[in-house]
Amino acid sequence: MLKQTLTTNEAAHILLADDNASWTYEGANAIAEYLEELSECMGDDFEFCRVAIRCDFSEYTANELVAQCGHLIGRDLPSDENWASRCEEVMDELKVVAEEYIIAELGNGNFIVRGC
């Protein structure tokens, strides 16, 4: 079996090259950093598989995050034209409830989420 150690930058570029994913550079880099940190905390290496990563992680805008993970709040979310005005309020609540799923809040306003 052959093994290759990737730098964070190399891992991010592999994620960006995945035509079936829609990461921003900032998102791919955040995932690579998260996985590197996870590997160090576990004290063990793991196989880097961009398909598995694509299945486990998503990059969402704030509106997409609320639509995908809003069920975690445990109440009905607005579905009318008032949605945009309430999104910030719901996001604040969601950030607390979904803390274990949100691994990064990016500078571009997007979120990297695992699971959810």
PDB file of N, CA and C in Angstrom:
ATOM      1  N   MET A   1       0.842  -1.177   0.000  1.00  0.00           N
ATOM      2  CA  MET A   1       0.000   0.000   0.000  1.00  0.00           C
ATOM      3  C   MET A   1       0.888   1.241   0.000  1.00  0.00           C
ATOM      4  N   LEU A   2       0.556   2.170  -0.856  1.00  0.00           N
ATOM      5  CA  LEU A   2       1.288   3.433  -0.925  1.00  0.00           C
ATOM      6  C   LEU A   2       0.570   4.486  -0.095  1.00  0.00           C
ATOM      7  N   LYS A   3       1.351   5.299   0.595  1.00  0.00           N
ATOM      8  CA  LYS A   3       0.777   6.397   1.371  1.00  0.00           C
ATOM      9  C   LYS A   3       1.464   7.687   0.980  1.00  0.00           C
ATOM     10  N   GLN A   4       0.719   8.760   1.022  1.00  0.00           N
ATOM     11  CA  GLN A   4       1.255  10.077   0.712  1.00  0.00           C
ATOM     12  C   GLN A   4       0.759  11.046   1.768  1.00  0.00           C
ATOM     13  N   THR A   5       1.642  11.845   2.292  1.00  0.00           N
ATOM     14  CA  THR A   5       1.274  12.868   3.245  1.00  0.00           C
ATOM     15  C   THR A   5       0.988  14.151   2.479  1.00  0.00           C
ATOM     16  N   LEU A   6      -0.172  14.743   2.747  1.00  0.00           N
ATOM     17  CA  LEU A   6      -0.576  15.964   2.062  1.00  0.00           C
ATOM     18  C   LEU A   6      -0.402  17.162   2.981  1.00  0.00           C
ATOM     19  N   THR A   7      -0.014  18.273   2.408  1.00  0.00           N
ATOM     20  CA  THR A   7      -0.048  19.521   3.158  1.00  0.00           C
ATOM     21  C   THR A   7      -1.487  20.029   3.127  1.00  0.00           C
ATOM     22  N   THR A   8      -1.780  20.989   3.972  1.00  0.00           N
ATOM     23  CA  THR A   8      -3.111  21.589   3.983  1.00  0.00           C
ATOM     24  C   THR A   8      -3.435  22.176   2.618  1.00  0.00           C
ATOM     25  N   ASN A   9      -2.472  22.829   2.030  1.00  0.00           N
ATOM     26  CA  ASN A   9      -2.658  23.450   0.715  1.00  0.00           C
ATOM     27  C   ASN A   9      -2.935  22.400  -0.364  1.00  0.00           C
ATOM     28  N   GLU A  10      -2.198  21.297  -0.336  1.00  0.00           N
ATOM     29  CA  GLU A  10      -2.421  20.228  -1.324  1.00  0.00           C
ATOM     30  C   GLU A  10      -3.812  19.623  -1.161  1.00  0.00           C
ATOM     31  N   ALA A  11      -4.221  19.400   0.084  1.00  0.00           N
ATOM     32  CA  ALA A  11      -5.548  18.841   0.337  1.00  0.00           C
ATOM     33  C   ALA A  11      -6.636  19.794  -0.162  1.00  0.00           C
ATOM     34  N   ALA A  12      -6.465  21.088   0.090  1.00  0.00           N
ATOM     35  CA  ALA A  12      -7.441  22.077  -0.380  1.00  0.00           C
ATOM     36  C   ALA A  12      -7.527  22.072  -1.901  1.00  0.00           C
ATOM     37  N   HIS A  13      -6.406  21.965  -2.582  1.00  0.00           N
ATOM     38  CA  HIS A  13      -6.418  21.946  -4.054  1.00  0.00           C
ATOM     39  C   HIS A  13      -7.094  20.691  -4.599  1.00  0.00           C
ATOM     40  N   ILE A  14      -6.917  19.567  -3.918  1.00  0.00           N
ATOM     41  CA  ILE A  14      -7.607  18.337  -4.333  1.00  0.00           C
ATOM     42  C   ILE A  14      -9.117  18.514  -4.183  1.00  0.00           C
ATOM     43  N   LEU A  15      -9.537  19.128  -3.081  1.00  0.00           N
ATOM     44  CA  LEU A  15     -10.968  19.380  -2.884  1.00  0.00           C
ATOM     45  C   LEU A  15     -11.516  20.323  -3.946  1.00  0.00           C
ATOM     46  N   LEU A  16     -10.744  21.342  -4.281  1.00  0.00           N
ATOM     47  CA  LEU A  16     -11.186  22.302  -5.300  1.00  0.00           C
ATOM     48  C   LEU A  16     -11.270  21.676  -6.687  1.00  0.00           C
ATOM     49  N   ALA A  17     -10.465  20.659  -6.935  1.00  0.00           N
ATOM     50  CA  ALA A  17     -10.455  20.005  -8.247  1.00  0.00           C
ATOM     51  C   ALA A  17     -11.638  19.054  -8.427  1.00  0.00           C
ATOM     52  N   ASP A  18     -12.398  18.832  -7.376  1.00  0.00           N
ATOM     53  CA  ASP A  18     -13.546  17.926  -7.432  1.00  0.00           C
ATOM     54  C   ASP A  18     -14.696  18.624  -8.155  1.00  0.00           C
ATOM     55  N   ASP A  19     -14.990  18.185  -9.369  1.00  0.00           N
ATOM     56  CA  ASP A  19     -16.050  18.800 -10.173  1.00  0.00           C
ATOM     57  C   ASP A  19     -17.449  18.591  -9.598  1.00  0.00           C
ATOM     58  N   ASN A  20     -17.585  17.640  -8.675  1.00  0.00           N
ATOM     59  CA  ASN A  20     -18.892  17.356  -8.085  1.00  0.00           C
ATOM     60  C   ASN A  20     -19.126  18.105  -6.778  1.00  0.00           C
ATOM     61  N   ALA A  21     -18.190  18.927  -6.392  1.00  0.00           N
ATOM     62  CA  ALA A  21     -18.328  19.741  -5.179  1.00  0.00           C
ATOM     63  C   ALA A  21     -18.308  21.213  -5.592  1.00  0.00           C
ATOM     64  N   SER A  22     -18.796  22.041  -4.715  1.00  0.00           N
ATOM     65  CA  SER A  22     -18.837  23.464  -5.063  1.00  0.00           C
ATOM     66  C   SER A  22     -18.194  24.302  -3.962  1.00  0.00           C
ATOM     67  N   TRP A  23     -17.014  23.887  -3.538  1.00  0.00           N
ATOM     68  CA  TRP A  23     -16.308  24.628  -2.495  1.00  0.00           C
ATOM     69  C   TRP A  23     -15.759  25.933  -3.053  1.00  0.00           C
ATOM     70  N   THR A  24     -15.732  26.921  -2.214  1.00  0.00           N
ATOM     71  CA  THR A  24     -14.917  28.093  -2.510  1.00  0.00           C
ATOM     72  C   THR A  24     -13.505  27.733  -2.051  1.00  0.00           C
ATOM     73  N   TYR A  25     -12.524  28.510  -2.465  1.00  0.00           N
ATOM     74  CA  TYR A  25     -11.158  28.236  -1.994  1.00  0.00           C
ATOM     75  C   TYR A  25     -11.110  28.317  -0.473  1.00  0.00           C
ATOM     76  N   GLU A  26     -11.771  29.318   0.075  1.00  0.00           N
ATOM     77  CA  GLU A  26     -11.782  29.500   1.524  1.00  0.00           C
ATOM     78  C   GLU A  26     -12.433  28.296   2.218  1.00  0.00           C
ATOM     79  N   GLY A  27     -13.489  27.768   1.632  1.00  0.00           N
ATOM     80  CA  GLY A  27     -14.162  26.600   2.192  1.00  0.00           C
ATOM     81  C   GLY A  27     -13.306  25.352   2.128  1.00  0.00           C
ATOM     82  N   ALA A  28     -12.684  25.106   0.985  1.00  0.00           N
ATOM     83  CA  ALA A  28     -11.814  23.935   0.843  1.00  0.00           C
ATOM     84  C   ALA A  28     -10.646  24.015   1.814  1.00  0.00           C
ATOM     85  N   ASN A  29     -10.095  25.189   1.983  1.00  0.00           N
ATOM     86  CA  ASN A  29      -8.980  25.366   2.901  1.00  0.00           C
ATOM     87  C   ASN A  29      -9.431  25.130   4.343  1.00  0.00           C
ATOM     88  N   ALA A  30     -10.611  25.596   4.709  1.00  0.00           N
ATOM     89  CA  ALA A  30     -11.138  25.394   6.061  1.00  0.00           C
ATOM     90  C   ALA A  30     -11.347  23.909   6.354  1.00  0.00           C
ATOM     91  N   ILE A  31     -11.838  23.165   5.368  1.00  0.00           N
ATOM     92  CA  ILE A  31     -12.027  21.725   5.541  1.00  0.00           C
ATOM     93  C   ILE A  31     -10.675  21.038   5.713  1.00  0.00           C
ATOM     94  N   ALA A  32      -9.707  21.392   4.873  1.00  0.00           N
ATOM     95  CA  ALA A  32      -8.375  20.790   4.968  1.00  0.00           C
ATOM     96  C   ALA A  32      -7.746  21.080   6.331  1.00  0.00           C
ATOM     97  N   GLU A  33      -7.883  22.309   6.809  1.00  0.00           N
ATOM     98  CA  GLU A  33      -7.348  22.665   8.134  1.00  0.00           C
ATOM     99  C   GLU A  33      -8.056  21.880   9.235  1.00  0.00           C
ATOM    100  N   TYR A  34      -9.363  21.750   9.126  1.00  0.00           N
ATOM    101  CA  TYR A  34     -10.134  20.999  10.108  1.00  0.00           C
ATOM    102  C   TYR A  34      -9.678  19.539  10.150  1.00  0.00           C
ATOM    103  N   LEU A  35      -9.515  18.931   8.972  1.00  0.00           N
ATOM    104  CA  LEU A  35      -9.103  17.526   8.918  1.00  0.00           C
ATOM    105  C   LEU A  35      -7.685  17.334   9.449  1.00  0.00           C
ATOM    106  N   GLU A  36      -6.816  18.294   9.164  1.00  0.00           N
ATOM    107  CA  GLU A  36      -5.452  18.218   9.689  1.00  0.00           C
ATOM    108  C   GLU A  36      -5.462  18.299  11.216  1.00  0.00           C
ATOM    109  N   GLU A  37      -6.235  19.210  11.744  1.00  0.00           N
ATOM    110  CA  GLU A  37      -6.345  19.361  13.196  1.00  0.00           C
ATOM    111  C   GLU A  37      -6.958  18.112  13.824  1.00  0.00           C
ATOM    112  N   LEU A  38      -7.965  17.555  13.193  1.00  0.00           N
ATOM    113  CA  LEU A  38      -8.606  16.338  13.676  1.00  0.00           C
ATOM    114  C   LEU A  38      -7.608  15.184  13.713  1.00  0.00           C
ATOM    115  N   SER A  39      -6.825  15.056  12.663  1.00  0.00           N
ATOM    116  CA  SER A  39      -5.814  14.008  12.597  1.00  0.00           C
ATOM    117  C   SER A  39      -4.797  14.159  13.725  1.00  0.00           C
ATOM    118  N   GLU A  40      -4.369  15.395  13.977  1.00  0.00           N
ATOM    119  CA  GLU A  40      -3.407  15.644  15.050  1.00  0.00           C
ATOM    120  C   GLU A  40      -4.012  15.329  16.416  1.00  0.00           C
ATOM    121  N   CYS A  41      -5.271  15.706  16.629  1.00  0.00           N
ATOM    122  CA  CYS A  41      -5.937  15.432  17.905  1.00  0.00           C
ATOM    123  C   CYS A  41      -6.117  13.940  18.142  1.00  0.00           C
ATOM    124  N   MET A  42      -6.410  13.203  17.063  1.00  0.00           N
ATOM    125  CA  MET A  42      -6.592  11.761  17.162  1.00  0.00           C
ATOM    126  C   MET A  42      -5.250  11.051  17.316  1.00  0.00           C
ATOM    127  N   GLY A  43      -4.182  11.707  16.892  1.00  0.00           N
ATOM    128  CA  GLY A  43      -2.872  11.078  16.932  1.00  0.00           C
ATOM    129  C   GLY A  43      -2.724   9.972  15.909  1.00  0.00           C
ATOM    130  N   ASP A  44      -3.514  10.077  14.841  1.00  0.00           N
ATOM    131  CA  ASP A  44      -3.508   9.024  13.828  1.00  0.00           C
ATOM    132  C   ASP A  44      -3.779   9.646  12.464  1.00  0.00           C
ATOM    133  N   ASP A  45      -3.165   9.075  11.454  1.00  0.00           N
ATOM    134  CA  ASP A  45      -3.426   9.504  10.087  1.00  0.00           C
ATOM    135  C   ASP A  45      -4.682   8.809   9.574  1.00  0.00           C
ATOM    136  N   PHE A  46      -5.290   9.358   8.568  1.00  0.00           N
ATOM    137  CA  PHE A  46      -6.434   8.706   7.945  1.00  0.00           C
ATOM    138  C   PHE A  46      -6.350   8.890   6.441  1.00  0.00           C
ATOM    139  N   GLU A  47      -7.089   8.079   5.742  1.00  0.00           N
ATOM    140  CA  GLU A  47      -7.091   8.136   4.291  1.00  0.00           C
ATOM    141  C   GLU A  47      -7.881   9.354   3.828  1.00  0.00           C
ATOM    142  N   PHE A  48      -7.284  10.142   2.965  1.00  0.00           N
ATOM    143  CA  PHE A  48      -7.935  11.321   2.402  1.00  0.00           C
ATOM    144  C   PHE A  48      -8.734  10.872   1.191  1.00  0.00           C
ATOM    145  N   CYS A  49     -10.032  11.029   1.264  1.00  0.00           N
ATOM    146  CA  CYS A  49     -10.918  10.623   0.164  1.00  0.00           C
ATOM    147  C   CYS A  49     -11.859  11.789  -0.129  1.00  0.00           C
ATOM    148  N   ARG A  50     -11.640  12.454  -1.249  1.00  0.00           N
ATOM    149  CA  ARG A  50     -12.450  13.637  -1.538  1.00  0.00           C
ATOM    150  C   ARG A  50     -13.920  13.307  -1.729  1.00  0.00           C
ATOM    151  N   VAL A  51     -14.245  12.091  -2.148  1.00  0.00           N
ATOM    152  CA  VAL A  51     -15.648  11.710  -2.295  1.00  0.00           C
ATOM    153  C   VAL A  51     -16.303  11.617  -0.914  1.00  0.00           C
ATOM    154  N   ALA A  52     -15.633  10.990   0.032  1.00  0.00           N
ATOM    155  CA  ALA A  52     -16.166  10.887   1.393  1.00  0.00           C
ATOM    156  C   ALA A  52     -16.291  12.277   2.019  1.00  0.00           C
ATOM    157  N   ILE A  53     -15.306  13.123   1.772  1.00  0.00           N
ATOM    158  CA  ILE A  53     -15.338  14.482   2.314  1.00  0.00           C
ATOM    159  C   ILE A  53     -16.518  15.253   1.714  1.00  0.00           C
ATOM    160  N   ARG A  54     -16.718  15.095   0.412  1.00  0.00           N
ATOM    161  CA  ARG A  54     -17.853  15.764  -0.250  1.00  0.00           C
ATOM    162  C   ARG A  54     -19.180  15.309   0.346  1.00  0.00           C
ATOM    163  N   CYS A  55     -19.263  14.046   0.742  1.00  0.00           N
ATOM    164  CA  CYS A  55     -20.498  13.523   1.339  1.00  0.00           C
ATOM    165  C   CYS A  55     -20.688  13.988   2.779  1.00  0.00           C
ATOM    166  N   ASP A  56     -19.597  14.232   3.489  1.00  0.00           N
ATOM    167  CA  ASP A  56     -19.668  14.588   4.906  1.00  0.00           C
ATOM    168  C   ASP A  56     -19.745  16.085   5.167  1.00  0.00           C
ATOM    169  N   PHE A  57     -19.233  16.894   4.265  1.00  0.00           N
ATOM    170  CA  PHE A  57     -19.142  18.331   4.486  1.00  0.00           C
ATOM    171  C   PHE A  57     -19.905  19.091   3.405  1.00  0.00           C
ATOM    172  N   SER A  58     -20.438  20.243   3.801  1.00  0.00           N
ATOM    173  CA  SER A  58     -21.116  21.124   2.852  1.00  0.00           C
ATOM    174  C   SER A  58     -20.716  22.555   3.140  1.00  0.00           C
ATOM    175  N   GLU A  59     -20.733  23.376   2.105  1.00  0.00           N
ATOM    176  CA  GLU A  59     -20.531  24.810   2.274  1.00  0.00           C
ATOM    177  C   GLU A  59     -21.851  25.490   1.947  1.00  0.00           C
ATOM    178  N   TYR A  60     -22.361  26.258   2.906  1.00  0.00           N
ATOM    179  CA  TYR A  60     -23.651  26.914   2.757  1.00  0.00           C
ATOM    180  C   TYR A  60     -23.532  28.418   2.975  1.00  0.00           C
ATOM    181  N   THR A  61     -24.370  29.157   2.275  1.00  0.00           N
ATOM    182  CA  THR A  61     -24.593  30.553   2.640  1.00  0.00           C
ATOM    183  C   THR A  61     -25.469  30.527   3.892  1.00  0.00           C
ATOM    184  N   ALA A  62     -25.690  31.675   4.506  1.00  0.00           N
ATOM    185  CA  ALA A  62     -26.534  31.732   5.700  1.00  0.00           C
ATOM    186  C   ALA A  62     -27.945  31.236   5.397  1.00  0.00           C
ATOM    187  N   ASN A  63     -28.524  31.676   4.284  1.00  0.00           N
ATOM    188  CA  ASN A  63     -29.878  31.234   3.920  1.00  0.00           C
ATOM    189  C   ASN A  63     -29.930  29.732   3.682  1.00  0.00           C
ATOM    190  N   GLU A  64     -28.922  29.194   3.002  1.00  0.00           N
ATOM    191  CA  GLU A  64     -28.883  27.753   2.737  1.00  0.00           C
ATOM    192  C   GLU A  64     -28.715  26.966   4.035  1.00  0.00           C
ATOM    193  N   LEU A  65     -27.900  27.483   4.947  1.00  0.00           N
ATOM    194  CA  LEU A  65     -27.690  26.807   6.227  1.00  0.00           C
ATOM    195  C   LEU A  65     -28.990  26.720   7.012  1.00  0.00           C
ATOM    196  N   VAL A  66     -29.720  27.807   7.053  1.00  0.00           N
ATOM    197  CA  VAL A  66     -30.995  27.801   7.769  1.00  0.00           C
ATOM    198  C   VAL A  66     -31.956  26.826   7.100  1.00  0.00           C
ATOM    199  N   ALA A  67     -32.000  26.818   5.781  1.00  0.00           N
ATOM    200  CA  ALA A  67     -32.902  25.905   5.064  1.00  0.00           C
ATOM    201  C   ALA A  67     -32.527  24.451   5.299  1.00  0.00           C
ATOM    202  N   GLN A  68     -31.231  24.129   5.343  1.00  0.00           N
ATOM    203  CA  GLN A  68     -30.775  22.748   5.490  1.00  0.00           C
ATOM    204  C   GLN A  68     -30.762  22.267   6.940  1.00  0.00           C
ATOM    205  N   CYS A  69     -30.435  23.147   7.876  1.00  0.00           N
ATOM    206  CA  CYS A  69     -30.236  22.738   9.266  1.00  0.00           C
ATOM    207  C   CYS A  69     -31.193  23.401  10.242  1.00  0.00           C
ATOM    208  N   GLY A  70     -32.104  24.202   9.740  1.00  0.00           N
ATOM    209  CA  GLY A  70     -33.028  24.926  10.603  1.00  0.00           C
ATOM    210  C   GLY A  70     -33.883  24.030  11.475  1.00  0.00           C
ATOM    211  N   HIS A  71     -34.086  22.786  11.057  1.00  0.00           N
ATOM    212  CA  HIS A  71     -34.889  21.855  11.847  1.00  0.00           C
ATOM    213  C   HIS A  71     -34.291  21.622  13.235  1.00  0.00           C
ATOM    214  N   LEU A  72     -33.013  21.902  13.411  1.00  0.00           N
ATOM    215  CA  LEU A  72     -32.354  21.693  14.695  1.00  0.00           C
ATOM    216  C   LEU A  72     -32.842  22.678  15.757  1.00  0.00           C
ATOM    217  N   ILE A  73     -33.424  23.783  15.312  1.00  0.00           N
ATOM    218  CA  ILE A  73     -33.910  24.788  16.248  1.00  0.00           C
ATOM    219  C   ILE A  73     -35.150  24.278  16.982  1.00  0.00           C
ATOM    220  N   GLY A  74     -35.916  23.433  16.335  1.00  0.00           N
ATOM    221  CA  GLY A  74     -37.080  22.851  16.977  1.00  0.00           C
ATOM    222  C   GLY A  74     -38.336  23.702  16.927  1.00  0.00           C
ATOM    223  N   ARG A  75     -38.403  24.590  15.967  1.00  0.00           N
ATOM    224  CA  ARG A  75     -39.632  25.372  15.782  1.00  0.00           C
ATOM    225  C   ARG A  75     -39.800  25.645  14.296  1.00  0.00           C
ATOM    226  N   ASP A  76     -41.010  26.030  13.938  1.00  0.00           N
ATOM    227  CA  ASP A  76     -41.278  26.339  12.534  1.00  0.00           C
ATOM    228  C   ASP A  76     -40.495  27.576  12.109  1.00  0.00           C
ATOM    229  N   LEU A  77     -39.967  27.535  10.920  1.00  0.00           N
ATOM    230  CA  LEU A  77     -39.231  28.668  10.365  1.00  0.00           C
ATOM    231  C   LEU A  77     -40.114  29.412   9.386  1.00  0.00           C
ATOM    232  N   PRO A  78     -39.887  30.690   9.230  1.00  0.00           N
ATOM    233  CA  PRO A  78     -40.719  31.453   8.297  1.00  0.00           C
ATOM    234  C   PRO A  78     -40.541  30.954   6.876  1.00  0.00           C
ATOM    235  N   SER A  79     -41.634  30.920   6.143  1.00  0.00           N
ATOM    236  CA  SER A  79     -41.557  30.465   4.754  1.00  0.00           C
ATOM    237  C   SER A  79     -42.119  31.514   3.805  1.00  0.00           C
ATOM    238  N   ASP A  80     -42.297  32.716   4.287  1.00  0.00           N
ATOM    239  CA  ASP A  80     -42.885  33.774   3.466  1.00  0.00           C
ATOM    240  C   ASP A  80     -41.845  34.811   3.085  1.00  0.00           C
ATOM    241  N   GLU A  81     -42.317  35.940   2.612  1.00  0.00           N
ATOM    242  CA  GLU A  81     -41.402  36.988   2.156  1.00  0.00           C
ATOM    243  C   GLU A  81     -40.651  37.649   3.309  1.00  0.00           C
ATOM    244  N   ASN A  82     -41.048  37.412   4.549  1.00  0.00           N
ATOM    245  CA  ASN A  82     -40.345  37.962   5.709  1.00  0.00           C
ATOM    246  C   ASN A  82     -39.089  37.168   6.055  1.00  0.00           C
ATOM    247  N   TRP A  83     -38.830  36.155   5.279  1.00  0.00           N
ATOM    248  CA  TRP A  83     -37.690  35.285   5.558  1.00  0.00           C
ATOM    249  C   TRP A  83     -36.385  36.062   5.675  1.00  0.00           C
ATOM    250  N   ALA A  84     -36.087  36.936   4.725  1.00  0.00           N
ATOM    251  CA  ALA A  84     -34.813  37.652   4.725  1.00  0.00           C
ATOM    252  C   ALA A  84     -34.646  38.490   5.984  1.00  0.00           C
ATOM    253  N   SER A  85     -35.706  39.111   6.458  1.00  0.00           N
ATOM    254  CA  SER A  85     -35.600  39.952   7.647  1.00  0.00           C
ATOM    255  C   SER A  85     -35.420  39.131   8.913  1.00  0.00           C
ATOM    256  N   ARG A  86     -35.833  37.885   8.898  1.00  0.00           N
ATOM    257  CA  ARG A  86     -35.725  37.027  10.077  1.00  0.00           C
ATOM    258  C   ARG A  86     -34.511  36.111  10.021  1.00  0.00           C
ATOM    259  N   CYS A  87     -33.826  36.078   8.888  1.00  0.00           N
ATOM    260  CA  CYS A  87     -32.711  35.146   8.719  1.00  0.00           C
ATOM    261  C   CYS A  87     -31.624  35.369   9.763  1.00  0.00           C
ATOM    262  N   GLU A  88     -31.289  36.620  10.038  1.00  0.00           N
ATOM    263  CA  GLU A  88     -30.221  36.905  11.004  1.00  0.00           C
ATOM    264  C   GLU A  88     -30.603  36.398  12.396  1.00  0.00           C
ATOM    265  N   GLU A  89     -31.838  36.608  12.776  1.00  0.00           N
ATOM    266  CA  GLU A  89     -32.318  36.136  14.075  1.00  0.00           C
ATOM    267  C   GLU A  89     -32.222  34.609  14.159  1.00  0.00           C
ATOM    268  N   VAL A  90     -32.671  33.940  13.119  1.00  0.00           N
ATOM    269  CA  VAL A  90     -32.637  32.481  13.084  1.00  0.00           C
ATOM    270  C   VAL A  90     -31.181  31.992  13.067  1.00  0.00           C
ATOM    271  N   MET A  91     -30.310  32.688  12.333  1.00  0.00           N
ATOM    272  CA  MET A  91     -28.896  32.301  12.267  1.00  0.00           C
ATOM    273  C   MET A  91     -28.252  32.354  13.640  1.00  0.00           C
ATOM    274  N   ASP A  92     -28.528  33.391  14.404  1.00  0.00           N
ATOM    275  CA  ASP A  92     -27.951  33.500  15.743  1.00  0.00           C
ATOM    276  C   ASP A  92     -28.355  32.303  16.598  1.00  0.00           C
ATOM    277  N   GLU A  93     -29.608  31.941  16.521  1.00  0.00           N
ATOM    278  CA  GLU A  93     -30.108  30.793  17.278  1.00  0.00           C
ATOM    279  C   GLU A  93     -29.511  29.489  16.751  1.00  0.00           C
ATOM    280  N   LEU A  94     -29.420  29.376  15.438  1.00  0.00           N
ATOM    281  CA  LEU A  94     -28.896  28.159  14.828  1.00  0.00           C
ATOM    282  C   LEU A  94     -27.418  27.954  15.151  1.00  0.00           C
ATOM    283  N   LYS A  95     -26.647  29.024  15.196  1.00  0.00           N
ATOM    284  CA  LYS A  95     -25.218  28.908  15.517  1.00  0.00           C
ATOM    285  C   LYS A  95     -25.007  28.275  16.886  1.00  0.00           C
ATOM    286  N   VAL A  96     -25.893  28.550  17.811  1.00  0.00           N
ATOM    287  CA  VAL A  96     -25.785  27.966  19.151  1.00  0.00           C
ATOM    288  C   VAL A  96     -26.205  26.500  19.124  1.00  0.00           C
ATOM    289  N   VAL A  97     -27.350  26.225  18.530  1.00  0.00           N
ATOM    290  CA  VAL A  97     -27.901  24.870  18.515  1.00  0.00           C
ATOM    291  C   VAL A  97     -27.058  23.923  17.662  1.00  0.00           C
ATOM    292  N   ALA A  98     -26.540  24.414  16.542  1.00  0.00           N
ATOM    293  CA  ALA A  98     -25.814  23.558  15.590  1.00  0.00           C
ATOM    294  C   ALA A  98     -24.308  23.678  15.736  1.00  0.00           C
ATOM    295  N   GLU A  99     -23.851  24.138  16.880  1.00  0.00           N
ATOM    296  CA  GLU A  99     -22.417  24.371  17.077  1.00  0.00           C
ATOM    297  C   GLU A  99     -21.570  23.144  16.741  1.00  0.00           C
ATOM    298  N   GLU A 100     -22.060  21.948  17.075  1.00  0.00           N
ATOM    299  CA  GLU A 100     -21.293  20.738  16.807  1.00  0.00           C
ATOM    300  C   GLU A 100     -21.197  20.418  15.311  1.00  0.00           C
ATOM    301  N   TYR A 101     -22.078  20.980  14.494  1.00  0.00           N
ATOM    302  CA  TYR A 101     -22.068  20.728  13.063  1.00  0.00           C
ATOM    303  C   TYR A 101     -21.282  21.770  12.275  1.00  0.00           C
ATOM    304  N   ILE A 102     -21.307  22.996  12.755  1.00  0.00           N
ATOM    305  CA  ILE A 102     -20.630  24.086  12.050  1.00  0.00           C
ATOM    306  C   ILE A 102     -19.155  24.068  12.420  1.00  0.00           C
ATOM    307  N   ILE A 103     -18.308  23.744  11.453  1.00  0.00           N
ATOM    308  CA  ILE A 103     -16.875  23.676  11.768  1.00  0.00           C
ATOM    309  C   ILE A 103     -16.150  24.963  11.431  1.00  0.00           C
ATOM    310  N   ALA A 104     -16.741  25.811  10.591  1.00  0.00           N
ATOM    311  CA  ALA A 104     -16.082  27.073  10.256  1.00  0.00           C
ATOM    312  C   ALA A 104     -17.094  28.083   9.733  1.00  0.00           C
ATOM    313  N   GLU A 105     -16.936  29.304  10.184  1.00  0.00           N
ATOM    314  CA  GLU A 105     -17.666  30.430   9.604  1.00  0.00           C
ATOM    315  C   GLU A 105     -16.628  31.193   8.793  1.00  0.00           C
ATOM    316  N   LEU A 106     -16.833  31.265   7.497  1.00  0.00           N
ATOM    317  CA  LEU A 106     -15.836  31.809   6.584  1.00  0.00           C
ATOM    318  C   LEU A 106     -15.950  33.326   6.461  1.00  0.00           C
ATOM    319  N   GLY A 107     -14.872  33.939   6.064  1.00  0.00           N
ATOM    320  CA  GLY A 107     -14.839  35.381   5.871  1.00  0.00           C
ATOM    321  C   GLY A 107     -15.786  35.860   4.776  1.00  0.00           C
ATOM    322  N   ASN A 108     -16.159  34.962   3.860  1.00  0.00           N
ATOM    323  CA  ASN A 108     -17.068  35.347   2.776  1.00  0.00           C
ATOM    324  C   ASN A 108     -18.543  35.240   3.202  1.00  0.00           C
ATOM    325  N   GLY A 109     -18.783  34.926   4.474  1.00  0.00           N
ATOM    326  CA  GLY A 109     -20.150  34.812   4.975  1.00  0.00           C
ATOM    327  C   GLY A 109     -20.728  33.412   4.897  1.00  0.00           C
ATOM    328  N   ASN A 110     -20.018  32.478   4.292  1.00  0.00           N
ATOM    329  CA  ASN A 110     -20.468  31.109   4.180  1.00  0.00           C
ATOM    330  C   ASN A 110     -20.071  30.309   5.426  1.00  0.00           C
ATOM    331  N   PHE A 111     -20.623  29.099   5.520  1.00  0.00           N
ATOM    332  CA  PHE A 111     -20.360  28.200   6.626  1.00  0.00           C
ATOM    333  C   PHE A 111     -19.961  26.837   6.093  1.00  0.00           C
ATOM    334  N   ILE A 112     -19.006  26.199   6.754  1.00  0.00           N
ATOM    335  CA  ILE A 112     -18.682  24.809   6.464  1.00  0.00           C
ATOM    336  C   ILE A 112     -19.352  23.977   7.556  1.00  0.00           C
ATOM    337  N   VAL A 113     -20.134  23.002   7.118  1.00  0.00           N
ATOM    338  CA  VAL A 113     -20.944  22.200   8.027  1.00  0.00           C
ATOM    339  C   VAL A 113     -20.630  20.729   7.801  1.00  0.00           C
ATOM    340  N   ARG A 114     -20.526  20.006   8.908  1.00  0.00           N
ATOM    341  CA  ARG A 114     -20.333  18.554   8.828  1.00  0.00           C
ATOM    342  C   ARG A 114     -21.611  17.900   9.337  1.00  0.00           C
ATOM    343  N   GLY A 115     -22.195  17.074   8.503  1.00  0.00           N
ATOM    344  CA  GLY A 115     -23.435  16.412   8.878  1.00  0.00           C
ATOM    345  C   GLY A 115     -24.618  17.347   8.722  1.00  0.00           C
ATOM    346  N   CYS A 116     -25.452  17.378   9.729  1.00  0.00           N
ATOM    347  CA  CYS A 116     -26.640  18.236   9.799  1.00  0.00           C
ATOM    348  C   CYS A 116     -27.664  17.666   8.917  1.00  0.00           C
TER     349      CYS A 116
END
